[in-house]
N, C-alpha and C. Protein backbone atom coordinates (compact mmCIF):
# COMPACT_ATOMS: atom_id res chain seq x y z
N MET A 1 0.73 -1.35 -0.12
CA MET A 1 0.13 0.07 -0.08
C MET A 1 0.78 1.48 0.21
N THR A 2 0.22 2.30 -1.22
CA THR A 2 0.94 3.63 -0.79
C THR A 2 1.09 4.90 0.29
N THR A 3 2.05 4.78 0.89
CA THR A 3 1.75 6.04 2.07
C THR A 3 2.16 7.26 1.70
N VAL A 4 1.25 8.20 2.51
CA VAL A 4 1.32 9.56 1.88
C VAL A 4 1.11 10.13 3.37
N LEU A 5 1.92 11.06 3.39
CA LEU A 5 2.56 11.61 5.18
C LEU A 5 2.19 13.09 4.47
N ILE A 6 1.10 13.72 5.48
CA ILE A 6 0.35 15.25 5.33
C ILE A 6 0.95 16.06 6.16
N VAL A 7 1.84 16.70 6.08
CA VAL A 7 2.46 17.90 6.81
C VAL A 7 1.74 19.29 6.89
N ASP A 8 1.01 19.36 8.24
CA ASP A 8 -0.10 20.10 7.88
C ASP A 8 -0.72 20.86 9.51
N ASP A 9 -0.02 22.31 9.78
CA ASP A 9 -1.21 22.33 11.36
C ASP A 9 -2.54 22.86 11.60
N GLU A 10 -3.21 22.61 10.31
CA GLU A 10 -4.61 22.87 10.63
C GLU A 10 -5.12 21.74 10.35
N PRO A 11 -5.98 21.07 11.06
CA PRO A 11 -6.59 19.22 11.71
C PRO A 11 -7.52 19.27 10.41
N ASP A 12 -8.45 20.46 10.16
CA ASP A 12 -9.82 20.08 9.36
C ASP A 12 -9.15 19.93 7.77
N ILE A 13 -8.07 20.68 7.13
CA ILE A 13 -7.38 19.91 6.12
C ILE A 13 -6.26 18.61 5.62
N VAL A 14 -6.19 18.43 7.20
CA VAL A 14 -6.02 16.81 7.18
C VAL A 14 -6.43 16.10 7.12
N SER A 15 -7.61 16.12 8.13
CA SER A 15 -9.12 15.24 8.01
C SER A 15 -9.51 14.96 6.36
N THR A 16 -9.73 16.57 6.51
CA THR A 16 -10.27 16.55 4.90
C THR A 16 -9.10 15.07 3.63
N LEU A 17 -8.24 15.52 3.71
CA LEU A 17 -7.32 14.97 2.96
C LEU A 17 -6.86 13.41 3.46
N ARG A 18 -7.05 13.61 4.40
CA ARG A 18 -7.02 11.64 4.74
C ARG A 18 -8.12 11.10 4.51
N MET A 19 -9.25 11.86 4.33
CA MET A 19 -10.73 10.91 4.56
C MET A 19 -11.09 11.04 2.55
N VAL A 20 -10.35 11.77 1.83
CA VAL A 20 -10.08 11.91 0.39
C VAL A 20 -9.05 10.09 -0.22
N LEU A 21 -7.87 10.50 0.71
CA LEU A 21 -6.88 9.44 0.11
C LEU A 21 -7.06 8.31 0.69
N GLN A 22 -7.85 8.19 1.87
CA GLN A 22 -8.09 6.73 2.44
C GLN A 22 -9.29 6.07 1.12
N ILE A 23 -10.38 7.06 0.60
CA ILE A 23 -11.05 6.30 -0.04
C ILE A 23 -10.25 6.35 -1.63
N GLU A 24 -9.92 6.43 -1.30
CA GLU A 24 -8.86 6.03 -2.98
C GLU A 24 -7.63 4.79 -2.56
N GLY A 25 -7.20 4.79 -1.20
CA GLY A 25 -6.55 3.02 -1.18
C GLY A 25 -5.45 3.44 -0.46
N TYR A 26 -4.78 4.69 -0.46
CA TYR A 26 -3.55 5.01 -0.09
C TYR A 26 -3.96 4.80 1.71
N GLU A 27 -2.22 4.68 2.37
CA GLU A 27 -2.12 4.53 3.74
C GLU A 27 -1.86 5.78 4.21
N VAL A 28 -2.36 6.50 4.90
CA VAL A 28 -2.03 8.06 5.53
C VAL A 28 -2.07 8.46 6.62
N LEU A 29 -0.58 8.97 7.00
CA LEU A 29 -0.34 9.14 8.61
C LEU A 29 0.30 11.24 7.65
N ASP A 30 0.15 11.49 9.36
CA ASP A 30 -0.01 12.66 9.38
C ASP A 30 1.15 13.55 10.39
N ALA A 31 1.49 14.78 10.14
CA ALA A 31 2.24 15.30 11.07
C ALA A 31 2.03 16.48 11.53
N PRO A 32 1.74 17.48 12.30
CA PRO A 32 1.11 18.72 12.76
C PRO A 32 2.42 19.68 12.62
N ASN A 33 3.64 19.37 11.60
CA ASN A 33 4.69 20.40 11.65
C ASN A 33 6.01 19.56 11.46
N GLY A 34 6.69 20.24 10.38
CA GLY A 34 7.82 19.89 9.69
C GLY A 34 9.04 18.93 10.78
N ARG A 35 9.19 19.50 12.38
CA ARG A 35 9.38 18.30 13.26
C ARG A 35 9.13 17.63 13.37
N ALA A 36 7.99 17.11 13.65
CA ALA A 36 7.22 15.44 13.86
C ALA A 36 7.18 15.32 12.57
N ALA A 37 7.15 15.43 11.46
CA ALA A 37 7.14 14.97 9.80
C ALA A 37 8.53 14.52 9.98
N LEU A 38 9.68 14.85 10.68
CA LEU A 38 10.91 14.49 9.99
C LEU A 38 10.90 12.77 11.04
N THR A 39 10.51 13.23 12.41
CA THR A 39 10.39 11.41 13.38
C THR A 39 9.97 10.89 12.21
N LYS A 40 8.22 10.93 11.94
CA LYS A 40 7.79 9.98 10.85
C LYS A 40 8.64 9.48 9.72
N ILE A 41 8.83 10.54 8.99
CA ILE A 41 10.15 9.85 8.17
C ILE A 41 10.68 9.01 8.38
N ALA A 42 11.90 9.38 8.89
CA ALA A 42 12.56 7.98 9.98
C ALA A 42 12.47 7.07 10.08
N GLU A 43 10.91 6.97 11.01
CA GLU A 43 10.65 5.61 11.42
C GLU A 43 9.91 4.89 10.36
N VAL A 44 8.90 5.64 9.18
CA VAL A 44 8.04 4.98 8.18
C VAL A 44 8.79 4.97 6.84
N ARG A 45 9.07 6.25 6.78
CA ARG A 45 9.48 5.83 5.09
C ARG A 45 8.29 6.61 4.20
N PRO A 46 7.41 7.20 3.92
CA PRO A 46 6.13 6.93 2.94
C PRO A 46 6.88 7.51 1.67
N ASP A 47 6.27 6.95 0.83
CA ASP A 47 6.43 7.36 -0.37
C ASP A 47 6.00 8.84 -0.73
N ILE A 48 5.39 9.34 -0.16
CA ILE A 48 4.71 10.92 -0.70
C ILE A 48 4.52 11.50 0.44
N ILE A 49 5.43 13.16 0.29
CA ILE A 49 5.23 13.84 1.40
C ILE A 49 4.03 15.49 0.55
N LEU A 50 3.20 15.29 1.40
CA LEU A 50 2.16 16.71 1.48
C LEU A 50 2.66 17.29 2.46
N SER A 51 2.73 18.73 1.89
CA SER A 51 3.48 19.93 2.93
C SER A 51 2.81 21.18 3.15
N ASP A 52 1.95 21.61 3.72
CA ASP A 52 2.24 22.89 3.90
C ASP A 52 2.83 23.75 3.86
N LEU A 53 3.36 24.69 3.96
CA LEU A 53 4.16 25.63 3.35
C LEU A 53 4.64 26.66 5.07
N MET A 54 3.68 27.14 5.43
CA MET A 54 3.56 27.93 6.87
C MET A 54 3.21 27.20 7.67
N MET A 55 4.05 26.55 8.55
CA MET A 55 4.04 25.84 10.14
C MET A 55 4.66 26.26 11.35
N PRO A 56 4.15 26.32 12.33
CA PRO A 56 5.21 26.02 13.44
C PRO A 56 6.12 25.61 13.49
N PHE A 57 7.37 26.39 14.35
CA PHE A 57 8.51 25.00 14.21
C PHE A 57 9.88 24.88 13.41
N MET A 58 8.78 24.63 11.50
CA MET A 58 9.48 24.25 10.66
C MET A 58 8.83 24.26 9.55
N THR A 59 9.22 25.05 8.74
CA THR A 59 8.33 25.56 7.74
C THR A 59 8.12 24.53 6.30
N GLY A 60 6.99 24.19 5.80
CA GLY A 60 7.27 23.37 4.91
C GLY A 60 8.47 23.91 3.78
N LEU A 61 8.98 24.84 3.80
CA LEU A 61 10.38 25.18 2.75
C LEU A 61 11.47 23.71 3.52
N GLU A 62 11.39 24.19 5.22
CA GLU A 62 12.92 23.87 6.28
C GLU A 62 12.58 22.53 5.64
N LEU A 63 11.41 21.90 5.48
CA LEU A 63 11.08 20.04 5.64
C LEU A 63 11.77 19.77 4.00
N LEU A 64 11.59 20.50 3.43
CA LEU A 64 11.86 20.51 2.26
C LEU A 64 13.33 20.32 2.14
N ALA A 65 14.02 21.44 2.53
CA ALA A 65 15.46 21.08 2.22
C ALA A 65 15.84 19.99 3.32
N ALA A 66 15.30 19.64 4.58
CA ALA A 66 16.12 18.67 5.16
C ALA A 66 15.64 17.25 4.73
N VAL A 67 14.56 17.03 3.98
CA VAL A 67 14.50 15.94 3.09
C VAL A 67 15.26 15.39 1.72
N LYS A 68 15.47 16.50 1.34
CA LYS A 68 16.27 16.88 0.15
C LYS A 68 17.24 16.48 0.49
N GLU A 69 18.51 16.74 1.28
CA GLU A 69 19.39 16.36 1.72
C GLU A 69 19.94 15.65 2.48
N ASN A 70 18.55 14.49 2.94
CA ASN A 70 19.33 13.43 4.23
C ASN A 70 19.53 12.22 2.89
N PRO A 71 20.22 11.54 2.25
CA PRO A 71 19.95 10.26 1.21
C PRO A 71 19.20 9.38 1.37
N GLU A 72 18.57 9.27 2.92
CA GLU A 72 18.18 7.97 2.73
C GLU A 72 16.50 8.70 2.45
N SER A 73 16.27 10.09 2.56
CA SER A 73 14.67 10.51 1.98
C SER A 73 15.06 11.35 0.30
N ARG A 74 15.70 11.67 -0.17
CA ARG A 74 16.26 12.65 -0.50
C ARG A 74 14.74 11.96 -1.88
N THR A 75 14.79 10.91 -2.27
CA THR A 75 13.85 10.24 -3.32
C THR A 75 12.43 10.38 -3.22
N ILE A 76 12.27 10.79 -1.58
CA ILE A 76 11.09 11.02 -1.85
C ILE A 76 10.89 11.98 -2.07
N PRO A 77 8.91 12.25 -3.14
CA PRO A 77 9.02 13.33 -3.34
C PRO A 77 7.97 13.82 -2.37
N VAL A 78 7.93 15.70 -2.76
CA VAL A 78 7.33 16.16 -1.70
C VAL A 78 7.21 17.39 -2.84
N VAL A 79 5.22 17.66 -1.91
CA VAL A 79 4.59 18.65 -2.92
C VAL A 79 4.09 19.24 -1.76
N LEU A 80 4.59 20.55 -1.99
CA LEU A 80 4.00 21.79 -1.09
C LEU A 80 2.68 22.37 -0.97
N MET A 81 2.19 22.69 -0.30
CA MET A 81 0.65 23.01 -0.32
C MET A 81 0.54 24.57 0.49
N SER A 82 0.09 25.39 0.00
CA SER A 82 -0.30 26.96 0.47
C SER A 82 -1.54 27.40 -0.72
N ALA A 83 -1.99 28.32 0.41
CA ALA A 83 -3.10 29.58 -1.05
C ALA A 83 -1.78 30.61 -1.42
N GLY A 84 -0.37 30.55 -1.30
CA GLY A 84 0.11 31.55 -2.29
C GLY A 84 1.56 30.77 -3.09
N ARG A 85 1.67 31.00 -3.70
CA ARG A 85 3.56 30.35 -4.37
C ARG A 85 4.13 30.27 -3.89
N PRO A 86 5.32 29.66 -3.34
CA PRO A 86 6.61 29.76 -2.80
C PRO A 86 6.72 30.80 -3.86
N ASN A 87 7.98 31.78 -2.91
CA ASN A 87 8.95 32.45 -3.52
C ASN A 87 10.24 31.11 -4.02
N VAL A 88 10.26 31.27 -5.32
CA VAL A 88 11.46 30.86 -5.71
C VAL A 88 12.67 30.57 -5.56
N ALA A 89 12.83 32.20 -5.10
CA ALA A 89 14.54 32.37 -4.72
C ALA A 89 14.65 31.91 -2.96
N GLU A 90 13.30 31.44 -2.27
CA GLU A 90 13.38 30.78 -1.55
C GLU A 90 13.83 29.08 -0.84
N LEU A 91 13.49 28.69 -2.41
CA LEU A 91 13.49 27.29 -2.82
C LEU A 91 15.21 26.96 -2.58
N VAL A 92 15.66 25.97 -1.41
CA VAL A 92 17.08 25.55 -1.74
C VAL A 92 17.23 25.00 -2.73
N HIS A 93 16.17 23.65 -2.50
CA HIS A 93 15.96 22.77 -3.58
C HIS A 93 14.65 22.25 -4.10
N PRO A 94 14.09 22.05 -5.35
CA PRO A 94 12.91 22.53 -6.24
C PRO A 94 12.09 21.04 -5.13
N CYS A 95 10.80 21.78 -4.88
CA CYS A 95 9.96 20.64 -4.75
C CYS A 95 9.08 20.09 -5.74
N ASP A 96 8.83 18.46 -5.82
CA ASP A 96 8.35 17.81 -7.39
C ASP A 96 7.16 18.26 -7.40
N GLY A 97 6.34 19.45 -6.59
CA GLY A 97 4.97 19.53 -7.43
C GLY A 97 4.50 20.44 -6.01
N PHE A 98 3.31 21.25 -6.69
CA PHE A 98 2.56 22.53 -5.81
C PHE A 98 1.38 21.97 -5.62
N LEU A 99 0.57 22.21 -5.14
CA LEU A 99 -0.93 22.65 -4.72
C LEU A 99 -1.66 23.83 -3.98
N ALA A 100 -1.99 24.38 -4.70
CA ALA A 100 -2.84 25.94 -3.89
C ALA A 100 -3.62 25.72 -3.40
N LYS A 101 -4.29 26.00 -2.22
CA LYS A 101 -5.10 25.87 -0.93
C LYS A 101 -6.19 26.93 -1.64
N PRO A 102 -7.50 26.29 -1.95
CA PRO A 102 -8.20 25.33 -1.29
C PRO A 102 -7.37 23.85 -3.04
N ILE A 103 -7.50 23.15 -1.93
CA ILE A 103 -6.94 21.83 -3.13
C ILE A 103 -7.87 21.06 -3.79
N GLY A 104 -7.86 21.28 -4.82
CA GLY A 104 -8.87 20.74 -5.88
C GLY A 104 -8.85 18.95 -5.50
N LEU A 105 -9.84 18.00 -5.66
CA LEU A 105 -9.64 16.70 -5.26
C LEU A 105 -9.43 15.90 -6.37
N ASP A 106 -9.40 16.27 -7.66
CA ASP A 106 -8.36 15.97 -8.72
C ASP A 106 -7.19 16.21 -8.84
N GLU A 107 -7.16 17.32 -8.50
CA GLU A 107 -5.83 17.85 -9.07
C GLU A 107 -4.79 17.39 -8.03
N LEU A 108 -5.46 16.99 -6.90
CA LEU A 108 -4.42 16.12 -6.08
C LEU A 108 -4.72 15.21 -5.92
N LEU A 109 -5.49 13.99 -6.90
CA LEU A 109 -4.90 12.88 -6.98
C LEU A 109 -4.33 12.41 -8.37
N THR A 110 -4.40 13.35 -9.05
CA THR A 110 -3.69 13.49 -10.79
C THR A 110 -2.21 13.47 -10.16
N THR A 111 -2.13 14.75 -9.56
CA THR A 111 -0.60 14.88 -9.11
C THR A 111 -0.19 13.81 -7.81
N LEU A 112 -0.53 13.26 -7.32
CA LEU A 112 -0.12 12.20 -6.73
C LEU A 112 0.65 10.98 -7.51
N ALA A 113 -0.83 10.79 -8.00
CA ALA A 113 -0.39 9.83 -9.57
C ALA A 113 0.87 9.80 -10.50
N ALA A 114 0.88 11.18 -10.61
CA ALA A 114 2.10 11.44 -11.55
C ALA A 114 3.25 10.98 -10.80
N LEU A 115 3.58 11.55 -9.51
CA LEU A 115 4.40 11.54 -8.85
C LEU A 115 5.02 10.18 -8.67
N LEU A 116 3.50 9.32 -8.18
CA LEU A 116 4.05 8.06 -8.41
C LEU A 116 4.10 6.64 -8.90
N GLY A 117 4.13 7.75 -10.24
CA GLY A 117 4.49 7.03 -11.53
C GLY A 117 3.47 6.30 -11.72
N ARG A 118 2.17 6.18 -11.55
CA ARG A 118 0.69 5.43 -11.67
C ARG A 118 -0.34 6.57 -12.74
N GLY A 119 -0.86 5.62 -13.61
CA GLY A 119 -1.82 6.22 -14.61
C GLY A 119 -3.14 6.40 -13.07
N ALA A 120 -3.87 7.59 -13.85
CA ALA A 120 -4.81 8.48 -12.90
C ALA A 120 -6.07 7.38 -12.68
N ALA A 121 -5.87 6.35 -13.43
CA ALA A 121 -7.10 4.96 -13.42
C ALA A 121 -6.80 4.01 -12.42
N ILE A 122 -5.01 3.54 -12.15
CA ILE A 122 -4.78 2.80 -11.43
C ILE A 122 -4.40 2.94 -10.24
N PRO A 123 -5.58 2.21 -9.25
CA PRO A 123 -5.64 2.43 -7.81
C PRO A 123 -4.00 2.20 -7.69
N PRO A 124 -3.88 3.21 -6.35
CA PRO A 124 -2.96 2.86 -5.11
C PRO A 124 -2.03 1.62 -4.76
């Protein structure tokens, strides 16, 4: 089963994404910030990470850098989510995808399928 790690400090967003992704057959983990996400990544190694950009303790950009600089996690795709696009000058490492909030569910599922190397019609 494909594991998605949702990193967001807004419980309503996590709950909505969890419900949609579980219906689609994904295993879903969550973390309220980048620091907590790094612990989960070390324990579980998800197949893909969906991370909010603005969070306490460690932002999505800081999480992206930590994931991409670690040899054990650098191949995990990281999709950033935010109401506004990140400043490209702030990106030390390019993210693998970007979803604008509010997130369209079709766009979410299409993005996951593309980054995980699956056609949209193939279940996880």
